[in-house]
Amino acid sequence: MMTPGRVYVLYEVTATPSPELRDAYERYMRETHIRDVLATGCFVAARFSTAASGQCRTSYIASQQEDLDRYFEQHAQRLRDDFASHFPTGVALTRDVWNVVEEWQV
């Protein structure tokens, strides 16, 4: 759980796998890729979400921008290459970086 009052950086990857790849994509993400990204030590948590439309979103939570920068500089290309070796086609990706300014919890 994130700490109230603390600013976080979210690195979000939204994927739209083709229908025939959805199961394989979700399995790869949940069993391999997300764990590999977290093993870099650059993120404190991750979330994997699916939508009825077939889209999937992975949110990686970094404590500070410097951690995300370190991920991009030292790890991103290797992990993107591994992803591409499993899914050379059939998965459309978009990537965004969000700064959490404030968070409320009940």
C-alpha atoms as a PDB file:
ATOM      1  CA  MET A   1       0.000   0.000   0.000  1.00  0.00           C
ATOM      2  CA  MET A   2       1.235   3.465  -0.794  1.00  0.00           C
ATOM      3  CA  THR A   3       1.847   5.946   2.006  1.00  0.00           C
ATOM      4  CA  PRO A   4      -0.620   8.876   2.168  1.00  0.00           C
ATOM      5  CA  GLY A   5       0.993  12.235   1.534  1.00  0.00           C
ATOM      6  CA  ARG A   6       3.933  10.764  -0.362  1.00  0.00           C
ATOM      7  CA  VAL A   7       4.536  11.472  -4.051  1.00  0.00           C
ATOM      8  CA  TYR A   8       5.156   8.475  -6.305  1.00  0.00           C
ATOM      9  CA  VAL A   9       6.021   8.039  -9.944  1.00  0.00           C
ATOM     10  CA  LEU A  10       3.949   5.600 -11.999  1.00  0.00           C
ATOM     11  CA  TYR A  11       5.336   4.038 -15.137  1.00  0.00           C
ATOM     12  CA  GLU A  12       2.337   2.617 -16.962  1.00  0.00           C
ATOM     13  CA  VAL A  13       2.409   0.317 -19.948  1.00  0.00           C
ATOM     14  CA  THR A  14      -0.884  -0.300 -21.716  1.00  0.00           C
ATOM     15  CA  ALA A  15      -1.009  -3.299 -24.023  1.00  0.00           C
ATOM     16  CA  THR A  16      -3.553  -4.436 -26.548  1.00  0.00           C
ATOM     17  CA  PRO A  17      -2.710  -8.028 -27.430  1.00  0.00           C
ATOM     18  CA  SER A  18      -4.423  -9.625 -30.393  1.00  0.00           C
ATOM     19  CA  PRO A  19      -7.204 -11.981 -29.242  1.00  0.00           C
ATOM     20  CA  GLU A  20      -5.207 -15.142 -29.966  1.00  0.00           C
ATOM     21  CA  LEU A  21      -2.297 -13.870 -27.807  1.00  0.00           C
ATOM     22  CA  ARG A  22      -4.258 -12.628 -24.774  1.00  0.00           C
ATOM     23  CA  ASP A  23      -3.830 -15.714 -22.614  1.00  0.00           C
ATOM     24  CA  ALA A  24      -0.126 -16.107 -23.452  1.00  0.00           C
ATOM     25  CA  TYR A  25       0.476 -12.391 -22.914  1.00  0.00           C
ATOM     26  CA  GLU A  26      -1.216 -12.356 -19.504  1.00  0.00           C
ATOM     27  CA  ARG A  27       0.620 -15.498 -18.404  1.00  0.00           C
ATOM     28  CA  TYR A  28       3.999 -14.095 -19.500  1.00  0.00           C
ATOM     29  CA  MET A  29       3.377 -10.796 -17.729  1.00  0.00           C
ATOM     30  CA  ARG A  30       2.140 -12.342 -14.484  1.00  0.00           C
ATOM     31  CA  GLU A  31       4.653 -15.185 -14.284  1.00  0.00           C
ATOM     32  CA  THR A  32       7.807 -13.633 -15.781  1.00  0.00           C
ATOM     33  CA  HIS A  33       8.012 -10.043 -16.983  1.00  0.00           C
ATOM     34  CA  ILE A  34       6.625  -8.150 -13.988  1.00  0.00           C
ATOM     35  CA  ARG A  35       8.806 -10.170 -11.627  1.00  0.00           C
ATOM     36  CA  ASP A  36      11.851  -9.417 -13.777  1.00  0.00           C
ATOM     37  CA  VAL A  37      11.067  -5.679 -13.738  1.00  0.00           C
ATOM     38  CA  LEU A  38      10.607  -5.676  -9.958  1.00  0.00           C
ATOM     39  CA  ALA A  39      13.899  -7.589  -9.547  1.00  0.00           C
ATOM     40  CA  THR A  40      15.740  -4.506 -10.888  1.00  0.00           C
ATOM     41  CA  GLY A  41      15.110  -2.804  -7.541  1.00  0.00           C
ATOM     42  CA  CYS A  42      13.843   0.326  -9.284  1.00  0.00           C
ATOM     43  CA  PHE A  43      10.199  -0.087  -8.247  1.00  0.00           C
ATOM     44  CA  VAL A  44       8.441  -0.652  -4.934  1.00  0.00           C
ATOM     45  CA  ALA A  45       5.335  -2.318  -6.377  1.00  0.00           C
ATOM     46  CA  ALA A  46       3.435  -3.176  -9.537  1.00  0.00           C
ATOM     47  CA  ARG A  47      -0.186  -3.705 -10.567  1.00  0.00           C
ATOM     48  CA  PHE A  48      -1.536  -5.700 -13.499  1.00  0.00           C
ATOM     49  CA  SER A  49      -5.062  -4.867 -14.656  1.00  0.00           C
ATOM     50  CA  THR A  50      -7.289  -6.088 -17.451  1.00  0.00           C
ATOM     51  CA  ALA A  51     -10.290  -4.493 -19.139  1.00  0.00           C
ATOM     52  CA  ALA A  52     -13.304  -6.068 -20.790  1.00  0.00           C
ATOM     53  CA  SER A  53     -12.035  -4.574 -24.080  1.00  0.00           C
ATOM     54  CA  GLY A  54      -9.001  -6.879 -23.964  1.00  0.00           C
ATOM     55  CA  GLN A  55      -6.543  -4.156 -22.988  1.00  0.00           C
ATOM     56  CA  CYS A  56      -4.071  -4.766 -20.171  1.00  0.00           C
ATOM     57  CA  ARG A  57      -2.300  -2.178 -18.070  1.00  0.00           C
ATOM     58  CA  THR A  58       0.776  -2.684 -15.945  1.00  0.00           C
ATOM     59  CA  SER A  59       1.567   0.051 -13.430  1.00  0.00           C
ATOM     60  CA  TYR A  60       5.046   0.072 -11.945  1.00  0.00           C
ATOM     61  CA  ILE A  61       5.413   2.303  -8.883  1.00  0.00           C
ATOM     62  CA  ALA A  62       8.739   4.056  -8.256  1.00  0.00           C
ATOM     63  CA  SER A  63       9.489   5.975  -5.070  1.00  0.00           C
ATOM     64  CA  GLN A  64      11.185   8.790  -6.974  1.00  0.00           C
ATOM     65  CA  GLN A  65      12.053   9.914 -10.487  1.00  0.00           C
ATOM     66  CA  GLU A  66      15.696   8.883 -10.014  1.00  0.00           C
ATOM     67  CA  ASP A  67      14.622   5.247  -9.605  1.00  0.00           C
ATOM     68  CA  LEU A  68      12.646   5.384 -12.836  1.00  0.00           C
ATOM     69  CA  ASP A  69      15.574   7.056 -14.608  1.00  0.00           C
ATOM     70  CA  ARG A  70      17.873   4.261 -13.383  1.00  0.00           C
ATOM     71  CA  TYR A  71      15.427   1.692 -14.749  1.00  0.00           C
ATOM     72  CA  PHE A  72      15.437   3.352 -18.180  1.00  0.00           C
ATOM     73  CA  GLU A  73      19.235   3.721 -18.230  1.00  0.00           C
ATOM     74  CA  GLN A  74      20.228   0.292 -16.922  1.00  0.00           C
ATOM     75  CA  HIS A  75      17.405  -2.184 -17.471  1.00  0.00           C
ATOM     76  CA  ALA A  76      14.630  -1.112 -19.853  1.00  0.00           C
ATOM     77  CA  GLN A  77      16.259  -2.120 -23.141  1.00  0.00           C
ATOM     78  CA  ARG A  78      17.172  -5.618 -21.941  1.00  0.00           C
ATOM     79  CA  LEU A  79      13.640  -6.229 -20.649  1.00  0.00           C
ATOM     80  CA  ARG A  80      12.031  -4.765 -23.773  1.00  0.00           C
ATOM     81  CA  ASP A  81      14.209  -7.035 -25.911  1.00  0.00           C
ATOM     82  CA  ASP A  82      13.114 -10.058 -23.878  1.00  0.00           C
ATOM     83  CA  PHE A  83       9.478  -9.028 -24.271  1.00  0.00           C
ATOM     84  CA  ALA A  84       9.949  -8.654 -28.038  1.00  0.00           C
ATOM     85  CA  SER A  85      11.490 -12.123 -28.245  1.00  0.00           C
ATOM     86  CA  HIS A  86       8.253 -13.543 -26.805  1.00  0.00           C
ATOM     87  CA  PHE A  87       5.882 -11.224 -28.695  1.00  0.00           C
ATOM     88  CA  PRO A  88       7.557  -9.937 -31.872  1.00  0.00           C
ATOM     89  CA  THR A  89       4.121  -8.998 -33.259  1.00  0.00           C
ATOM     90  CA  GLY A  90       0.531  -8.928 -32.101  1.00  0.00           C
ATOM     91  CA  VAL A  91       0.827  -6.676 -29.041  1.00  0.00           C
ATOM     92  CA  ALA A  92       0.397  -2.898 -29.388  1.00  0.00           C
ATOM     93  CA  LEU A  93       2.004  -0.940 -26.540  1.00  0.00           C
ATOM     94  CA  THR A  94       1.802   2.588 -25.186  1.00  0.00           C
ATOM     95  CA  ARG A  95       3.869   3.903 -22.308  1.00  0.00           C
ATOM     96  CA  ASP A  96       3.246   6.845 -19.968  1.00  0.00           C
ATOM     97  CA  VAL A  97       4.872   8.298 -16.866  1.00  0.00           C
ATOM     98  CA  TRP A  98       2.577   9.794 -14.227  1.00  0.00           C
ATOM     99  CA  ASN A  99       3.421  11.714 -11.071  1.00  0.00           C
ATOM    100  CA  VAL A 100       1.037  10.947  -8.221  1.00  0.00           C
ATOM    101  CA  VAL A 101       0.409  14.351  -6.687  1.00  0.00           C
ATOM    102  CA  GLU A 102      -2.012  13.295  -3.974  1.00  0.00           C
ATOM    103  CA  GLU A 103      -3.782  10.119  -2.939  1.00  0.00           C
ATOM    104  CA  TRP A 104      -6.832   9.478  -0.769  1.00  0.00           C
ATOM    105  CA  GLN A 105      -7.709   6.269   1.034  1.00  0.00           C
ATOM    106  CA  VAL A 106     -10.751   5.270   3.017  1.00  0.00           C
END
